[in-house]
Amino acid sequence: MKQIIQSTSGAAPIGPYSRAVKAGNMVYFSGTIALTESGELIQDSIEAETTQVMENIKSLLSDAGLGFEHVVKTSIFLSDMAHFGQVNEVYARYFSGDYPARETVAVAGLPKAANVEISIIAFVG
């Protein structure tokens, strides 16, 4: 049985999808871009954009009663692989050493012309 995780923090979804769905002991989170609660896309720098993405993820995890220590898998989508190093630096600040499995891929485009999108899967247990 699946359960939709309701979230009141952050920007509303920009399409017909749920931000997070719990199925068994797993929670699947939709991709997150650097939208603020007002719907503004942060793009001052790749570091600022990635920080906003990670803060959005932090809020979503909190709404689900979880933290970064529960994340078992991440997927990072970049508009340009040249951003890889800066994204890694910001991303690493949110984990305490037991890093989740991950892939990072460059894509042709992201919603709202974002430069980075991250989705996660977390374990509840």
N, C-alpha and C. Protein backbone atom coordinates (compact mmCIF):
# COMPACT_ATOMS: atom_id res chain seq x y z
N MET A 1 0.84 -1.18 0.00
CA MET A 1 0.00 0.00 0.00
C MET A 1 0.89 1.24 0.00
N LYS A 2 0.50 2.22 -0.78
CA LYS A 2 1.29 3.44 -0.83
C LYS A 2 0.60 4.55 -0.07
N GLN A 3 1.43 5.46 0.42
CA GLN A 3 0.94 6.61 1.17
C GLN A 3 1.60 7.87 0.60
N ILE A 4 0.81 8.86 0.27
CA ILE A 4 1.33 10.13 -0.21
C ILE A 4 1.80 10.94 1.00
N ILE A 5 3.03 11.40 0.96
CA ILE A 5 3.56 12.24 2.03
C ILE A 5 3.18 13.68 1.71
N GLN A 6 2.37 14.26 2.56
CA GLN A 6 1.94 15.65 2.36
C GLN A 6 3.03 16.59 2.85
N SER A 7 3.24 17.66 2.12
CA SER A 7 4.26 18.64 2.49
C SER A 7 3.70 20.03 2.27
N THR A 8 3.90 20.88 3.25
CA THR A 8 3.47 22.27 3.12
C THR A 8 4.65 23.20 2.95
N SER A 9 5.86 22.67 3.05
CA SER A 9 7.04 23.50 2.91
C SER A 9 7.49 23.55 1.46
N GLY A 10 8.14 24.63 1.10
CA GLY A 10 8.68 24.76 -0.25
C GLY A 10 7.64 25.12 -1.28
N ALA A 11 8.11 25.25 -2.51
CA ALA A 11 7.23 25.58 -3.63
C ALA A 11 6.32 24.40 -3.95
N ALA A 12 5.15 24.70 -4.44
CA ALA A 12 4.21 23.67 -4.85
C ALA A 12 4.77 22.93 -6.07
N PRO A 13 4.39 21.66 -6.24
CA PRO A 13 4.82 20.93 -7.44
C PRO A 13 4.42 21.68 -8.71
N ILE A 14 5.24 21.56 -9.75
CA ILE A 14 4.96 22.26 -11.00
C ILE A 14 4.31 21.35 -12.04
N GLY A 15 3.80 20.21 -11.57
CA GLY A 15 3.15 19.26 -12.46
C GLY A 15 2.27 18.31 -11.66
N PRO A 16 1.63 17.36 -12.35
CA PRO A 16 0.75 16.41 -11.68
C PRO A 16 1.53 15.25 -11.06
N TYR A 17 2.17 15.51 -9.93
CA TYR A 17 2.93 14.49 -9.22
C TYR A 17 2.93 14.78 -7.73
N SER A 18 3.24 13.78 -6.94
CA SER A 18 3.40 13.93 -5.50
C SER A 18 4.86 14.19 -5.19
N ARG A 19 5.14 14.96 -4.18
CA ARG A 19 6.52 15.23 -3.79
C ARG A 19 7.20 14.00 -3.22
N ALA A 20 6.42 13.19 -2.51
CA ALA A 20 6.99 11.98 -1.91
C ALA A 20 5.89 10.94 -1.73
N VAL A 21 6.28 9.68 -1.93
CA VAL A 21 5.36 8.56 -1.77
C VAL A 21 6.05 7.49 -0.95
N LYS A 22 5.39 7.07 0.12
CA LYS A 22 5.91 5.99 0.96
C LYS A 22 5.29 4.68 0.50
N ALA A 23 6.14 3.67 0.30
CA ALA A 23 5.69 2.32 -0.06
C ALA A 23 6.49 1.35 0.80
N GLY A 24 5.82 0.69 1.74
CA GLY A 24 6.54 -0.17 2.67
C GLY A 24 7.48 0.66 3.53
N ASN A 25 8.74 0.25 3.58
CA ASN A 25 9.75 0.96 4.37
C ASN A 25 10.55 1.96 3.54
N MET A 26 10.11 2.24 2.33
CA MET A 26 10.84 3.15 1.45
C MET A 26 10.00 4.40 1.17
N VAL A 27 10.69 5.53 1.04
CA VAL A 27 10.04 6.76 0.62
C VAL A 27 10.75 7.25 -0.64
N TYR A 28 9.99 7.46 -1.69
CA TYR A 28 10.50 7.90 -2.97
C TYR A 28 10.16 9.38 -3.15
N PHE A 29 11.17 10.20 -3.31
CA PHE A 29 10.98 11.64 -3.43
C PHE A 29 11.17 12.06 -4.89
N SER A 30 10.28 12.91 -5.36
CA SER A 30 10.40 13.43 -6.72
C SER A 30 11.63 14.31 -6.83
N GLY A 31 12.05 14.54 -8.05
CA GLY A 31 13.17 15.43 -8.29
C GLY A 31 12.89 16.83 -7.76
N THR A 32 13.93 17.45 -7.23
CA THR A 32 13.81 18.77 -6.62
C THR A 32 14.76 19.74 -7.30
N ILE A 33 14.22 20.90 -7.68
CA ILE A 33 15.06 21.96 -8.23
C ILE A 33 15.09 23.11 -7.21
N ALA A 34 15.77 24.18 -7.53
CA ALA A 34 16.05 25.25 -6.57
C ALA A 34 14.93 26.30 -6.51
N LEU A 35 13.69 25.85 -6.38
CA LEU A 35 12.58 26.79 -6.24
C LEU A 35 12.41 27.19 -4.78
N THR A 36 12.18 28.47 -4.54
CA THR A 36 11.86 28.96 -3.21
C THR A 36 10.37 28.78 -2.98
N GLU A 37 9.91 29.06 -1.75
CA GLU A 37 8.48 28.93 -1.44
C GLU A 37 7.64 29.84 -2.32
N SER A 38 8.20 30.98 -2.76
CA SER A 38 7.46 31.90 -3.62
C SER A 38 7.48 31.48 -5.09
N GLY A 39 8.21 30.40 -5.40
CA GLY A 39 8.28 29.91 -6.77
C GLY A 39 9.43 30.48 -7.58
N GLU A 40 10.30 31.27 -6.92
CA GLU A 40 11.47 31.84 -7.61
C GLU A 40 12.55 30.77 -7.74
N LEU A 41 13.16 30.69 -8.92
CA LEU A 41 14.27 29.76 -9.13
C LEU A 41 15.58 30.46 -8.78
N ILE A 42 16.30 29.91 -7.83
CA ILE A 42 17.60 30.46 -7.42
C ILE A 42 18.65 30.02 -8.43
N GLN A 43 19.33 30.97 -9.07
CA GLN A 43 20.38 30.65 -10.03
C GLN A 43 21.53 31.65 -9.95
N ASP A 44 21.76 32.22 -8.75
CA ASP A 44 22.85 33.18 -8.58
C ASP A 44 24.20 32.56 -8.92
N SER A 45 24.37 31.31 -8.53
CA SER A 45 25.58 30.53 -8.81
C SER A 45 25.18 29.07 -8.70
N ILE A 46 26.01 28.17 -9.22
CA ILE A 46 25.69 26.75 -9.09
C ILE A 46 25.72 26.32 -7.63
N GLU A 47 26.58 26.95 -6.82
CA GLU A 47 26.62 26.64 -5.39
C GLU A 47 25.33 27.06 -4.70
N ALA A 48 24.84 28.28 -5.00
CA ALA A 48 23.59 28.76 -4.41
C ALA A 48 22.41 27.91 -4.87
N GLU A 49 22.41 27.54 -6.14
CA GLU A 49 21.33 26.72 -6.67
C GLU A 49 21.32 25.35 -6.00
N THR A 50 22.49 24.74 -5.86
CA THR A 50 22.57 23.42 -5.23
C THR A 50 22.19 23.50 -3.75
N THR A 51 22.62 24.56 -3.07
CA THR A 51 22.25 24.74 -1.67
C THR A 51 20.73 24.82 -1.52
N GLN A 52 20.06 25.56 -2.40
CA GLN A 52 18.60 25.65 -2.33
C GLN A 52 17.96 24.28 -2.58
N VAL A 53 18.49 23.53 -3.54
CA VAL A 53 17.98 22.18 -3.78
C VAL A 53 18.12 21.32 -2.52
N MET A 54 19.29 21.34 -1.91
CA MET A 54 19.52 20.52 -0.72
C MET A 54 18.67 20.98 0.46
N GLU A 55 18.45 22.27 0.60
CA GLU A 55 17.57 22.78 1.66
C GLU A 55 16.12 22.36 1.40
N ASN A 56 15.70 22.36 0.14
CA ASN A 56 14.37 21.87 -0.20
C ASN A 56 14.24 20.39 0.16
N ILE A 57 15.26 19.60 -0.15
CA ILE A 57 15.25 18.18 0.19
C ILE A 57 15.21 18.00 1.71
N LYS A 58 15.99 18.79 2.42
CA LYS A 58 16.00 18.73 3.89
C LYS A 58 14.59 18.96 4.45
N SER A 59 13.88 19.95 3.90
CA SER A 59 12.51 20.23 4.35
C SER A 59 11.57 19.08 4.03
N LEU A 60 11.70 18.51 2.84
CA LEU A 60 10.85 17.38 2.47
C LEU A 60 11.11 16.17 3.35
N LEU A 61 12.39 15.90 3.62
CA LEU A 61 12.73 14.80 4.53
C LEU A 61 12.11 15.04 5.90
N SER A 62 12.21 16.26 6.40
CA SER A 62 11.65 16.60 7.70
C SER A 62 10.14 16.39 7.72
N ASP A 63 9.46 16.80 6.64
CA ASP A 63 8.01 16.60 6.55
C ASP A 63 7.64 15.12 6.62
N ALA A 64 8.55 14.26 6.18
CA ALA A 64 8.32 12.81 6.23
C ALA A 64 8.84 12.20 7.53
N GLY A 65 9.35 13.03 8.44
CA GLY A 65 9.88 12.54 9.71
C GLY A 65 11.25 11.90 9.55
N LEU A 66 12.01 12.31 8.54
CA LEU A 66 13.30 11.70 8.22
C LEU A 66 14.39 12.76 8.15
N GLY A 67 15.63 12.29 8.02
CA GLY A 67 16.78 13.16 7.84
C GLY A 67 17.69 12.57 6.77
N PHE A 68 18.78 13.26 6.49
CA PHE A 68 19.72 12.79 5.46
C PHE A 68 20.30 11.42 5.77
N GLU A 69 20.34 11.04 7.04
CA GLU A 69 20.87 9.73 7.41
C GLU A 69 19.99 8.59 6.90
N HIS A 70 18.75 8.90 6.51
CA HIS A 70 17.83 7.89 5.99
C HIS A 70 17.94 7.70 4.48
N VAL A 71 18.66 8.59 3.81
CA VAL A 71 18.76 8.55 2.34
C VAL A 71 19.66 7.40 1.91
N VAL A 72 19.14 6.53 1.04
CA VAL A 72 19.93 5.39 0.56
C VAL A 72 20.35 5.53 -0.90
N LYS A 73 19.69 6.45 -1.65
CA LYS A 73 19.99 6.60 -3.07
C LYS A 73 19.68 8.01 -3.51
N THR A 74 20.56 8.59 -4.28
CA THR A 74 20.29 9.89 -4.89
C THR A 74 20.56 9.81 -6.39
N SER A 75 19.86 10.65 -7.11
CA SER A 75 20.09 10.82 -8.54
C SER A 75 20.27 12.31 -8.78
N ILE A 76 21.40 12.68 -9.37
CA ILE A 76 21.69 14.08 -9.65
C ILE A 76 21.69 14.29 -11.15
N PHE A 77 20.94 15.29 -11.58
CA PHE A 77 20.84 15.64 -12.99
C PHE A 77 21.42 17.04 -13.16
N LEU A 78 22.39 17.18 -14.05
CA LEU A 78 23.07 18.46 -14.27
C LEU A 78 22.86 18.93 -15.70
N SER A 79 22.74 20.24 -15.86
CA SER A 79 22.64 20.81 -17.20
C SER A 79 23.99 20.78 -17.91
N ASP A 80 25.06 20.69 -17.11
CA ASP A 80 26.41 20.70 -17.66
C ASP A 80 27.33 19.97 -16.68
N MET A 81 28.06 18.98 -17.14
CA MET A 81 28.94 18.21 -16.26
C MET A 81 30.06 19.09 -15.68
N ALA A 82 30.27 20.27 -16.22
CA ALA A 82 31.26 21.20 -15.67
C ALA A 82 30.87 21.64 -14.25
N HIS A 83 29.60 21.48 -13.87
CA HIS A 83 29.14 21.84 -12.52
C HIS A 83 29.42 20.75 -11.49
N PHE A 84 29.91 19.61 -11.93
CA PHE A 84 30.05 18.43 -11.07
C PHE A 84 30.80 18.74 -9.76
N GLY A 85 31.95 19.38 -9.84
CA GLY A 85 32.77 19.65 -8.66
C GLY A 85 32.08 20.53 -7.64
N GLN A 86 31.47 21.62 -8.11
CA GLN A 86 30.80 22.54 -7.19
C GLN A 86 29.57 21.89 -6.55
N VAL A 87 28.83 21.12 -7.34
CA VAL A 87 27.66 20.42 -6.80
C VAL A 87 28.10 19.41 -5.75
N ASN A 88 29.17 18.68 -6.02
CA ASN A 88 29.69 17.70 -5.05
C ASN A 88 30.05 18.37 -3.73
N GLU A 89 30.70 19.53 -3.79
CA GLU A 89 31.11 20.23 -2.56
C GLU A 89 29.90 20.57 -1.70
N VAL A 90 28.86 21.11 -2.31
CA VAL A 90 27.66 21.48 -1.54
C VAL A 90 26.95 20.21 -1.05
N TYR A 91 26.76 19.25 -1.92
CA TYR A 91 26.07 17.99 -1.61
C TYR A 91 26.71 17.32 -0.40
N ALA A 92 28.03 17.25 -0.35
CA ALA A 92 28.75 16.54 0.71
C ALA A 92 28.49 17.14 2.08
N ARG A 93 28.19 18.43 2.16
CA ARG A 93 27.94 19.09 3.45
C ARG A 93 26.69 18.57 4.15
N TYR A 94 25.82 17.94 3.42
CA TYR A 94 24.54 17.50 3.99
C TYR A 94 24.57 16.06 4.50
N PHE A 95 25.66 15.37 4.30
CA PHE A 95 25.78 13.99 4.75
C PHE A 95 26.95 13.88 5.72
N SER A 96 26.87 12.92 6.64
CA SER A 96 27.90 12.80 7.67
C SER A 96 28.85 11.64 7.44
N GLY A 97 29.06 11.25 6.20
CA GLY A 97 30.06 10.22 5.92
C GLY A 97 29.51 8.93 5.35
N ASP A 98 28.36 8.48 5.82
CA ASP A 98 27.75 7.28 5.25
C ASP A 98 26.92 7.72 4.05
N TYR A 99 27.62 7.95 2.93
CA TYR A 99 26.96 8.50 1.75
C TYR A 99 26.04 7.48 1.10
N PRO A 100 24.94 7.95 0.53
CA PRO A 100 24.05 7.04 -0.19
C PRO A 100 24.65 6.65 -1.54
N ALA A 101 24.10 5.62 -2.14
CA ALA A 101 24.45 5.28 -3.53
C ALA A 101 23.97 6.45 -4.40
N ARG A 102 24.63 6.61 -5.57
CA ARG A 102 24.30 7.80 -6.37
C ARG A 102 24.75 7.63 -7.80
N GLU A 103 24.03 8.32 -8.70
CA GLU A 103 24.54 8.54 -10.04
C GLU A 103 24.37 10.02 -10.34
N THR A 104 25.24 10.51 -11.21
CA THR A 104 25.16 11.90 -11.67
C THR A 104 25.24 11.87 -13.18
N VAL A 105 24.26 12.50 -13.82
CA VAL A 105 24.23 12.50 -15.27
C VAL A 105 23.99 13.91 -15.79
N ALA A 106 24.53 14.20 -16.96
CA ALA A 106 24.24 15.44 -17.65
C ALA A 106 23.03 15.19 -18.54
N VAL A 107 22.14 16.17 -18.59
CA VAL A 107 20.92 16.04 -19.37
C VAL A 107 20.77 17.23 -20.31
N ALA A 108 19.92 17.08 -21.30
CA ALA A 108 19.73 18.13 -22.29
C ALA A 108 18.96 19.32 -21.72
N GLY A 109 18.14 19.10 -20.73
CA GLY A 109 17.37 20.19 -20.14
C GLY A 109 16.67 19.75 -18.88
N LEU A 110 16.39 20.73 -18.01
CA LEU A 110 15.69 20.48 -16.75
C LEU A 110 14.51 21.45 -16.65
N PRO A 111 13.52 21.13 -15.79
CA PRO A 111 12.38 22.03 -15.65
C PRO A 111 12.82 23.45 -15.30
N LYS A 112 12.14 24.42 -15.89
CA LYS A 112 12.37 25.85 -15.64
C LYS A 112 13.80 26.28 -15.95
N ALA A 113 14.51 25.52 -16.79
CA ALA A 113 15.90 25.80 -17.16
C ALA A 113 16.84 25.77 -15.96
N ALA A 114 16.52 24.91 -14.98
CA ALA A 114 17.39 24.73 -13.82
C ALA A 114 18.71 24.11 -14.26
N ASN A 115 19.73 24.26 -13.45
CA ASN A 115 21.04 23.67 -13.71
C ASN A 115 21.27 22.37 -12.96
N VAL A 116 20.50 22.14 -11.90
CA VAL A 116 20.66 20.93 -11.10
C VAL A 116 19.29 20.50 -10.56
N GLU A 117 19.06 19.20 -10.60
CA GLU A 117 17.87 18.58 -10.02
C GLU A 117 18.34 17.33 -9.30
N ILE A 118 17.81 17.09 -8.11
CA ILE A 118 18.20 15.92 -7.33
C ILE A 118 16.95 15.21 -6.84
N SER A 119 16.92 13.89 -7.01
CA SER A 119 15.86 13.07 -6.44
C SER A 119 16.50 12.09 -5.47
N ILE A 120 15.72 11.65 -4.50
CA ILE A 120 16.25 10.74 -3.47
C ILE A 120 15.27 9.62 -3.17
N ILE A 121 15.83 8.57 -2.59
CA ILE A 121 15.05 7.47 -2.03
C ILE A 121 15.55 7.30 -0.60
N ALA A 122 14.62 7.19 0.35
CA ALA A 122 14.99 7.05 1.76
C ALA A 122 14.36 5.79 2.35
N PHE A 123 15.03 5.27 3.36
CA PHE A 123 14.59 4.08 4.10
C PHE A 123 14.02 4.50 5.44
N VAL A 124 12.87 3.96 5.78
CA VAL A 124 12.26 4.21 7.08
C VAL A 124 12.44 2.94 7.89
N GLY A 125 13.14 3.02 8.98
CA GLY A 125 13.33 1.79 9.74
C GLY A 125 13.98 1.98 11.05
